[in-house]
Amino acid sequence: MMGSDTIGAQDQPTSLEGTWVMTSAYEILADGTRVTNYGEHPNGLLMVDKNGRYSVQIFRPNRPRFIAKDKTKGTPEEYRQAVLGSSTHTGKVVIESLKGKLIFQIETASYANWEGTEQIRDYTFKDGFLTYQVPAGASGNGTIAYSIWQYSSN
């Protein structure tokens, strides 16, 4: 449900309430090379409730299936692909619209090192698309990661 202070109503939203579908995720390496760790057309969903509690899931399409058909019996490469081909976390998201910042207060994450941390992201909202970026300093190697989401009214 989008009210007068939510995405879509103005250029400086104060709420992300609703469901968002990922349209793109990519990284720009320090040397300017563009890479896509989640593929050209990643599967992703960001859901935010009226209180700012969120859940985000990102998956690389066509991840290899476990040959044993049992996730407790995967090979090292199957586990590697499962972990590197997905990113999930939940918590609370706060918008600082005047500063153009999203603050993800992460409670649980598939990458346990993120739990209990805050991640601050620059964002833009234009033509129904929310784009936020992970700054180069966060990666430690000069990489800037971008996530692009489209509001879904379905």
N, C-alpha and C. Protein backbone atom coordinates (compact mmCIF):
# COMPACT_ATOMS: atom_id res chain seq x y z
N MET A 1 0.84 -1.17 0.00
CA MET A 1 0.00 0.00 0.00
C MET A 1 0.89 1.23 0.00
N MET A 2 0.68 2.12 -0.94
CA MET A 2 1.53 3.28 -1.06
C MET A 2 0.73 4.52 -0.70
N GLY A 3 1.18 5.21 0.36
CA GLY A 3 0.53 6.45 0.77
C GLY A 3 1.27 7.64 0.22
N SER A 4 0.89 8.83 0.69
CA SER A 4 1.47 10.05 0.16
C SER A 4 2.95 10.20 0.47
N ASP A 5 3.44 9.47 1.44
CA ASP A 5 4.85 9.61 1.79
C ASP A 5 5.68 8.40 1.37
N THR A 6 5.15 7.58 0.50
CA THR A 6 5.86 6.38 0.10
C THR A 6 6.38 6.48 -1.32
N ILE A 7 7.18 5.47 -1.71
CA ILE A 7 7.73 5.43 -3.06
C ILE A 7 6.60 5.57 -4.07
N GLY A 8 6.89 6.28 -5.12
CA GLY A 8 5.91 6.47 -6.18
C GLY A 8 5.14 7.76 -6.03
N ALA A 9 5.03 8.27 -4.82
CA ALA A 9 4.25 9.47 -4.59
C ALA A 9 5.09 10.73 -4.77
N GLN A 10 6.39 10.63 -4.60
CA GLN A 10 7.25 11.79 -4.73
C GLN A 10 8.67 11.34 -4.97
N ASP A 11 9.55 12.27 -5.29
CA ASP A 11 10.93 11.93 -5.59
C ASP A 11 11.74 11.60 -4.34
N GLN A 12 11.32 12.07 -3.18
CA GLN A 12 12.04 11.82 -1.94
C GLN A 12 11.16 11.00 -1.00
N PRO A 13 11.11 9.67 -1.18
CA PRO A 13 10.21 8.84 -0.38
C PRO A 13 10.65 8.76 1.07
N THR A 14 9.68 8.51 1.95
CA THR A 14 9.98 8.28 3.36
C THR A 14 9.64 6.86 3.77
N SER A 15 9.14 6.06 2.84
CA SER A 15 8.80 4.68 3.12
C SER A 15 9.02 3.82 1.87
N LEU A 16 9.46 2.59 2.10
CA LEU A 16 9.60 1.62 1.01
C LEU A 16 8.50 0.56 1.08
N GLU A 17 7.48 0.80 1.87
CA GLU A 17 6.44 -0.18 2.10
C GLU A 17 5.94 -0.79 0.80
N GLY A 18 5.93 -2.11 0.79
CA GLY A 18 5.42 -2.84 -0.36
C GLY A 18 6.38 -3.92 -0.80
N THR A 19 6.16 -4.40 -2.01
CA THR A 19 6.96 -5.47 -2.59
C THR A 19 7.71 -4.94 -3.80
N TRP A 20 8.99 -5.27 -3.86
CA TRP A 20 9.89 -4.83 -4.92
C TRP A 20 10.50 -6.05 -5.59
N VAL A 21 10.59 -6.01 -6.92
CA VAL A 21 11.18 -7.11 -7.68
C VAL A 21 12.52 -6.63 -8.25
N MET A 22 13.54 -7.45 -8.07
CA MET A 22 14.86 -7.09 -8.57
C MET A 22 14.88 -7.13 -10.09
N THR A 23 15.43 -6.10 -10.69
CA THR A 23 15.58 -6.07 -12.13
C THR A 23 17.03 -6.20 -12.55
N SER A 24 17.97 -5.87 -11.64
CA SER A 24 19.38 -5.96 -11.99
C SER A 24 20.22 -5.90 -10.73
N ALA A 25 21.36 -6.57 -10.78
CA ALA A 25 22.38 -6.49 -9.72
C ALA A 25 23.72 -6.67 -10.42
N TYR A 26 24.60 -5.72 -10.21
CA TYR A 26 25.90 -5.81 -10.85
C TYR A 26 26.94 -5.06 -10.03
N GLU A 27 28.20 -5.31 -10.36
CA GLU A 27 29.31 -4.65 -9.68
C GLU A 27 30.19 -3.97 -10.71
N ILE A 28 30.77 -2.85 -10.31
CA ILE A 28 31.78 -2.19 -11.11
C ILE A 28 33.08 -2.33 -10.31
N LEU A 29 34.03 -3.08 -10.88
CA LEU A 29 35.31 -3.30 -10.21
C LEU A 29 36.14 -2.03 -10.25
N ALA A 30 37.18 -2.00 -9.44
CA ALA A 30 38.05 -0.82 -9.35
C ALA A 30 38.63 -0.44 -10.71
N ASP A 31 38.83 -1.42 -11.59
CA ASP A 31 39.39 -1.12 -12.92
C ASP A 31 38.32 -0.73 -13.94
N GLY A 32 37.04 -0.62 -13.50
CA GLY A 32 35.96 -0.22 -14.38
C GLY A 32 35.21 -1.36 -15.04
N THR A 33 35.65 -2.59 -14.84
CA THR A 33 34.99 -3.77 -15.42
C THR A 33 33.64 -4.00 -14.74
N ARG A 34 32.63 -4.30 -15.54
CA ARG A 34 31.29 -4.62 -15.02
C ARG A 34 31.15 -6.13 -14.93
N VAL A 35 30.73 -6.63 -13.75
CA VAL A 35 30.51 -8.06 -13.55
C VAL A 35 29.12 -8.26 -12.94
N THR A 36 28.60 -9.48 -13.11
CA THR A 36 27.28 -9.80 -12.57
C THR A 36 27.37 -11.10 -11.78
N ASN A 37 27.57 -10.99 -10.49
CA ASN A 37 27.67 -12.18 -9.65
C ASN A 37 26.37 -12.97 -9.56
N TYR A 38 25.25 -12.31 -9.84
CA TYR A 38 23.96 -12.99 -9.79
C TYR A 38 23.35 -13.17 -11.17
N GLY A 39 24.17 -13.02 -12.22
CA GLY A 39 23.70 -13.19 -13.58
C GLY A 39 23.05 -11.94 -14.13
N GLU A 40 22.81 -11.95 -15.43
CA GLU A 40 22.21 -10.79 -16.09
C GLU A 40 20.77 -10.54 -15.64
N HIS A 41 20.07 -11.59 -15.24
CA HIS A 41 18.67 -11.44 -14.83
C HIS A 41 18.46 -12.15 -13.49
N PRO A 42 18.94 -11.54 -12.39
CA PRO A 42 18.81 -12.20 -11.08
C PRO A 42 17.36 -12.26 -10.62
N ASN A 43 17.11 -13.21 -9.76
CA ASN A 43 15.80 -13.32 -9.12
C ASN A 43 15.93 -12.69 -7.74
N GLY A 44 15.07 -11.73 -7.46
CA GLY A 44 15.16 -11.07 -6.16
C GLY A 44 13.84 -10.48 -5.75
N LEU A 45 13.64 -10.42 -4.45
CA LEU A 45 12.42 -9.87 -3.88
C LEU A 45 12.80 -9.10 -2.61
N LEU A 46 12.29 -7.89 -2.50
CA LEU A 46 12.45 -7.05 -1.31
C LEU A 46 11.05 -6.72 -0.84
N MET A 47 10.74 -7.10 0.39
CA MET A 47 9.43 -6.80 0.96
C MET A 47 9.63 -5.97 2.21
N VAL A 48 8.86 -4.87 2.31
CA VAL A 48 8.97 -3.96 3.44
C VAL A 48 7.57 -3.71 3.99
N ASP A 49 7.40 -3.87 5.30
CA ASP A 49 6.09 -3.61 5.89
C ASP A 49 5.98 -2.15 6.32
N LYS A 50 4.82 -1.77 6.86
CA LYS A 50 4.56 -0.37 7.20
C LYS A 50 5.46 0.14 8.32
N ASN A 51 6.09 -0.75 9.08
CA ASN A 51 6.99 -0.35 10.15
C ASN A 51 8.46 -0.37 9.73
N GLY A 52 8.72 -0.66 8.45
CA GLY A 52 10.10 -0.67 7.97
C GLY A 52 10.80 -2.00 8.14
N ARG A 53 10.12 -3.02 8.62
CA ARG A 53 10.74 -4.35 8.71
C ARG A 53 10.80 -4.92 7.30
N TYR A 54 11.94 -5.50 6.97
CA TYR A 54 12.16 -5.94 5.60
C TYR A 54 12.71 -7.35 5.54
N SER A 55 12.57 -7.93 4.35
CA SER A 55 13.19 -9.19 4.01
C SER A 55 13.65 -9.07 2.57
N VAL A 56 14.91 -9.40 2.31
CA VAL A 56 15.44 -9.34 0.96
C VAL A 56 16.05 -10.69 0.61
N GLN A 57 15.77 -11.15 -0.61
CA GLN A 57 16.34 -12.39 -1.13
C GLN A 57 16.81 -12.13 -2.55
N ILE A 58 18.05 -12.53 -2.83
CA ILE A 58 18.60 -12.41 -4.19
C ILE A 58 19.20 -13.76 -4.56
N PHE A 59 18.87 -14.24 -5.76
CA PHE A 59 19.35 -15.54 -6.21
C PHE A 59 19.83 -15.47 -7.65
N ARG A 60 20.94 -16.11 -7.92
CA ARG A 60 21.39 -16.29 -9.30
C ARG A 60 20.53 -17.37 -9.92
N PRO A 61 19.94 -17.10 -11.10
CA PRO A 61 19.14 -18.15 -11.76
C PRO A 61 20.02 -19.32 -12.18
N ASN A 62 19.43 -20.44 -12.29
CA ASN A 62 20.09 -21.65 -12.80
C ASN A 62 21.28 -22.10 -11.95
N ARG A 63 21.18 -21.89 -10.64
CA ARG A 63 22.23 -22.44 -9.77
C ARG A 63 22.22 -23.96 -9.91
N PRO A 64 23.38 -24.58 -9.85
CA PRO A 64 23.41 -26.04 -10.01
C PRO A 64 22.68 -26.74 -8.86
N ARG A 65 21.99 -27.77 -9.20
CA ARG A 65 21.30 -28.58 -8.19
C ARG A 65 22.30 -29.56 -7.58
N PHE A 66 22.01 -29.98 -6.36
CA PHE A 66 22.87 -30.95 -5.68
C PHE A 66 22.62 -32.33 -6.30
N ILE A 67 23.66 -32.97 -6.73
CA ILE A 67 23.55 -34.27 -7.38
C ILE A 67 22.92 -35.31 -6.45
N ALA A 68 23.29 -35.27 -5.17
CA ALA A 68 22.78 -36.24 -4.20
C ALA A 68 21.31 -35.99 -3.84
N LYS A 69 20.75 -34.85 -4.27
CA LYS A 69 19.37 -34.49 -3.93
C LYS A 69 19.15 -34.42 -2.43
N ASP A 70 20.22 -34.09 -1.70
CA ASP A 70 20.18 -33.98 -0.25
C ASP A 70 21.15 -32.87 0.13
N LYS A 71 20.64 -31.77 0.71
CA LYS A 71 21.52 -30.62 0.97
C LYS A 71 22.57 -30.91 2.04
N THR A 72 22.42 -31.99 2.78
CA THR A 72 23.46 -32.35 3.76
C THR A 72 24.59 -33.15 3.13
N LYS A 73 24.46 -33.49 1.84
CA LYS A 73 25.46 -34.32 1.17
C LYS A 73 26.01 -33.65 -0.09
N GLY A 74 26.11 -32.33 -0.07
CA GLY A 74 26.62 -31.62 -1.22
C GLY A 74 28.13 -31.71 -1.33
N THR A 75 28.62 -31.47 -2.52
CA THR A 75 30.07 -31.41 -2.75
C THR A 75 30.54 -30.00 -2.36
N PRO A 76 31.84 -29.82 -2.14
CA PRO A 76 32.34 -28.47 -1.85
C PRO A 76 31.92 -27.44 -2.92
N GLU A 77 31.94 -27.82 -4.18
CA GLU A 77 31.55 -26.89 -5.24
C GLU A 77 30.05 -26.59 -5.21
N GLU A 78 29.23 -27.60 -4.89
CA GLU A 78 27.79 -27.36 -4.77
C GLU A 78 27.50 -26.38 -3.64
N TYR A 79 28.17 -26.57 -2.50
CA TYR A 79 28.00 -25.63 -1.38
C TYR A 79 28.48 -24.23 -1.76
N ARG A 80 29.59 -24.15 -2.45
CA ARG A 80 30.14 -22.86 -2.87
C ARG A 80 29.13 -22.13 -3.76
N GLN A 81 28.59 -22.83 -4.74
CA GLN A 81 27.63 -22.22 -5.66
C GLN A 81 26.34 -21.81 -4.94
N ALA A 82 25.92 -22.62 -3.97
CA ALA A 82 24.71 -22.30 -3.21
C ALA A 82 24.91 -21.02 -2.40
N VAL A 83 26.06 -20.89 -1.78
CA VAL A 83 26.33 -19.71 -0.94
C VAL A 83 26.58 -18.48 -1.80
N LEU A 84 27.44 -18.58 -2.79
CA LEU A 84 27.78 -17.42 -3.61
C LEU A 84 26.67 -17.03 -4.59
N GLY A 85 25.73 -17.92 -4.81
CA GLY A 85 24.63 -17.64 -5.72
C GLY A 85 23.40 -17.07 -5.05
N SER A 86 23.53 -16.71 -3.77
CA SER A 86 22.37 -16.15 -3.07
C SER A 86 22.82 -15.17 -1.99
N SER A 87 21.91 -14.27 -1.67
CA SER A 87 22.13 -13.32 -0.58
C SER A 87 20.78 -13.03 0.03
N THR A 88 20.65 -13.24 1.32
CA THR A 88 19.39 -12.96 2.00
C THR A 88 19.69 -12.28 3.33
N HIS A 89 18.81 -11.36 3.70
CA HIS A 89 18.89 -10.77 5.04
C HIS A 89 17.56 -10.14 5.41
N THR A 90 17.36 -9.97 6.72
CA THR A 90 16.13 -9.39 7.26
C THR A 90 16.49 -8.41 8.36
N GLY A 91 15.56 -7.53 8.66
CA GLY A 91 15.77 -6.57 9.73
C GLY A 91 14.85 -5.38 9.57
N LYS A 92 15.42 -4.18 9.73
CA LYS A 92 14.66 -2.94 9.59
C LYS A 92 15.42 -2.03 8.64
N VAL A 93 14.68 -1.35 7.76
CA VAL A 93 15.30 -0.39 6.84
C VAL A 93 14.73 0.99 7.15
N VAL A 94 15.64 1.95 7.21
CA VAL A 94 15.29 3.34 7.49
C VAL A 94 15.73 4.19 6.30
N ILE A 95 14.89 5.13 5.91
CA ILE A 95 15.24 6.04 4.82
C ILE A 95 15.60 7.40 5.39
N GLU A 96 16.75 7.90 5.00
CA GLU A 96 17.11 9.29 5.27
C GLU A 96 17.03 10.01 3.93
N SER A 97 15.81 10.42 3.57
CA SER A 97 15.57 10.92 2.22
C SER A 97 16.34 12.21 1.92
N LEU A 98 16.54 13.06 2.89
CA LEU A 98 17.26 14.31 2.63
C LEU A 98 18.74 14.05 2.32
N LYS A 99 19.27 12.95 2.85
CA LYS A 99 20.67 12.59 2.59
C LYS A 99 20.80 11.57 1.46
N GLY A 100 19.67 11.02 0.99
CA GLY A 100 19.71 10.01 -0.06
C GLY A 100 20.32 8.71 0.42
N LYS A 101 20.03 8.33 1.68
CA LYS A 101 20.61 7.13 2.28
C LYS A 101 19.54 6.16 2.73
N LEU A 102 19.82 4.88 2.52
CA LEU A 102 19.05 3.79 3.13
C LEU A 102 19.94 3.18 4.19
N ILE A 103 19.36 2.87 5.33
CA ILE A 103 20.13 2.21 6.39
C ILE A 103 19.46 0.87 6.67
N PHE A 104 20.16 -0.20 6.33
CA PHE A 104 19.68 -1.55 6.62
C PHE A 104 20.23 -1.96 7.98
N GLN A 105 19.36 -2.16 8.94
CA GLN A 105 19.74 -2.64 10.27
C GLN A 105 19.50 -4.15 10.24
N ILE A 106 20.57 -4.89 10.00
CA ILE A 106 20.46 -6.32 9.71
C ILE A 106 20.39 -7.14 10.99
N GLU A 107 19.34 -7.96 11.09
CA GLU A 107 19.15 -8.85 12.23
C GLU A 107 19.60 -10.26 11.90
N THR A 108 19.18 -10.78 10.75
CA THR A 108 19.58 -12.12 10.33
C THR A 108 20.04 -12.05 8.88
N ALA A 109 21.00 -12.92 8.53
CA ALA A 109 21.53 -12.90 7.17
C ALA A 109 22.11 -14.26 6.82
N SER A 110 22.07 -14.59 5.52
CA SER A 110 22.71 -15.83 5.09
C SER A 110 24.22 -15.75 5.29
N TYR A 111 24.78 -14.55 5.25
CA TYR A 111 26.19 -14.33 5.57
C TYR A 111 26.23 -13.83 7.00
N ALA A 112 26.53 -14.72 7.94
CA ALA A 112 26.39 -14.43 9.38
C ALA A 112 27.20 -13.21 9.83
N ASN A 113 28.26 -12.85 9.15
CA ASN A 113 29.06 -11.69 9.54
C ASN A 113 28.26 -10.39 9.47
N TRP A 114 27.17 -10.36 8.71
CA TRP A 114 26.36 -9.15 8.61
C TRP A 114 25.40 -8.99 9.78
N GLU A 115 25.12 -10.06 10.52
CA GLU A 115 24.12 -9.99 11.58
C GLU A 115 24.54 -9.00 12.66
N GLY A 116 23.58 -8.15 13.06
CA GLY A 116 23.85 -7.14 14.08
C GLY A 116 24.58 -5.91 13.54
N THR A 117 24.67 -5.77 12.22
CA THR A 117 25.37 -4.62 11.64
C THR A 117 24.37 -3.69 10.95
N GLU A 118 24.85 -2.50 10.64
CA GLU A 118 24.10 -1.55 9.82
C GLU A 118 24.86 -1.38 8.51
N GLN A 119 24.12 -1.33 7.43
CA GLN A 119 24.71 -1.06 6.13
C GLN A 119 24.03 0.18 5.57
N ILE A 120 24.83 1.18 5.27
CA ILE A 120 24.32 2.43 4.75
C ILE A 120 24.54 2.44 3.25
N ARG A 121 23.49 2.73 2.51
CA ARG A 121 23.53 2.69 1.05
C ARG A 121 23.02 4.00 0.48
N ASP A 122 23.76 4.56 -0.48
CA ASP A 122 23.23 5.68 -1.26
C ASP A 122 22.13 5.12 -2.15
N TYR A 123 21.06 5.89 -2.33
CA TYR A 123 19.99 5.41 -3.20
C TYR A 123 19.46 6.54 -4.08
N THR A 124 18.83 6.12 -5.16
CA THR A 124 18.07 7.03 -6.01
C THR A 124 16.75 6.35 -6.33
N PHE A 125 15.76 7.17 -6.60
CA PHE A 125 14.46 6.66 -7.03
C PHE A 125 14.06 7.47 -8.26
N LYS A 126 13.85 6.75 -9.37
CA LYS A 126 13.50 7.43 -10.61
C LYS A 126 12.64 6.51 -11.47
N ASP A 127 11.55 7.05 -11.96
CA ASP A 127 10.67 6.33 -12.89
C ASP A 127 10.24 4.97 -12.35
N GLY A 128 9.96 4.88 -11.05
CA GLY A 128 9.48 3.64 -10.45
C GLY A 128 10.56 2.64 -10.09
N PHE A 129 11.83 3.03 -10.24
CA PHE A 129 12.94 2.13 -9.93
C PHE A 129 13.73 2.66 -8.75
N LEU A 130 14.00 1.79 -7.81
CA LEU A 130 14.85 2.09 -6.67
C LEU A 130 16.22 1.49 -6.94
N THR A 131 17.26 2.30 -6.88
CA THR A 131 18.62 1.83 -7.07
C THR A 131 19.41 2.18 -5.82
N TYR A 132 20.08 1.20 -5.24
CA TYR A 132 21.01 1.53 -4.16
C TYR A 132 22.35 0.89 -4.43
N GLN A 133 23.38 1.49 -3.84
CA GLN A 133 24.74 1.02 -4.11
C GLN A 133 25.53 0.81 -2.84
N VAL A 134 26.38 -0.20 -2.91
CA VAL A 134 27.34 -0.49 -1.84
C VAL A 134 28.59 0.31 -2.19
N PRO A 135 29.02 1.21 -1.31
CA PRO A 135 30.18 2.04 -1.64
C PRO A 135 31.47 1.23 -1.77
N ALA A 136 32.40 1.77 -2.55
CA ALA A 136 33.67 1.09 -2.81
C ALA A 136 34.41 0.76 -1.51
N GLY A 137 34.33 1.64 -0.53
CA GLY A 137 35.04 1.42 0.73
C GLY A 137 34.53 0.20 1.50
N ALA A 138 33.27 -0.15 1.32
CA ALA A 138 32.70 -1.29 2.03
C ALA A 138 33.27 -2.62 1.55
N SER A 139 33.61 -2.69 0.27
CA SER A 139 34.13 -3.94 -0.28
C SER A 139 35.58 -4.17 0.09
N GLY A 140 36.30 -3.07 0.33
CA GLY A 140 37.72 -3.20 0.65
C GLY A 140 38.61 -3.36 -0.58
N ASN A 141 37.98 -3.51 -1.75
CA ASN A 141 38.78 -3.71 -2.96
C ASN A 141 38.40 -2.74 -4.07
N GLY A 142 37.62 -1.71 -3.74
CA GLY A 142 37.26 -0.71 -4.73
C GLY A 142 36.05 -1.04 -5.57
N THR A 143 35.39 -2.16 -5.30
CA THR A 143 34.21 -2.56 -6.06
C THR A 143 32.97 -1.81 -5.56
N ILE A 144 32.15 -1.34 -6.49
CA ILE A 144 30.87 -0.72 -6.15
C ILE A 144 29.77 -1.64 -6.68
N ALA A 145 28.89 -2.06 -5.79
CA ALA A 145 27.80 -2.97 -6.18
C ALA A 145 26.48 -2.20 -6.25
N TYR A 146 25.67 -2.52 -7.25
CA TYR A 146 24.39 -1.86 -7.45
C TYR A 146 23.27 -2.89 -7.42
N SER A 147 22.16 -2.52 -6.77
CA SER A 147 20.94 -3.33 -6.77
C SER A 147 19.82 -2.44 -7.28
N ILE A 148 19.06 -2.93 -8.27
CA ILE A 148 17.99 -2.15 -8.86
C ILE A 148 16.68 -2.93 -8.70
N TRP A 149 15.68 -2.22 -8.17
CA TRP A 149 14.40 -2.84 -7.83
C TRP A 149 13.26 -2.03 -8.45
N GLN A 150 12.21 -2.73 -8.85
CA GLN A 150 11.01 -2.08 -9.36
C GLN A 150 9.85 -2.40 -8.44
N TYR A 151 9.07 -1.37 -8.10
CA TYR A 151 7.91 -1.57 -7.24
C TYR A 151 6.91 -2.47 -7.95
N SER A 152 6.35 -3.42 -7.21
CA SER A 152 5.38 -4.35 -7.77
C SER A 152 4.04 -4.12 -7.09
N SER A 153 3.03 -3.82 -7.87
CA SER A 153 1.70 -3.60 -7.30
C SER A 153 0.91 -4.91 -7.20
N ASN A 154 1.50 -6.01 -7.66
CA ASN A 154 0.82 -7.31 -7.61
C ASN A 154 1.07 -8.01 -6.30
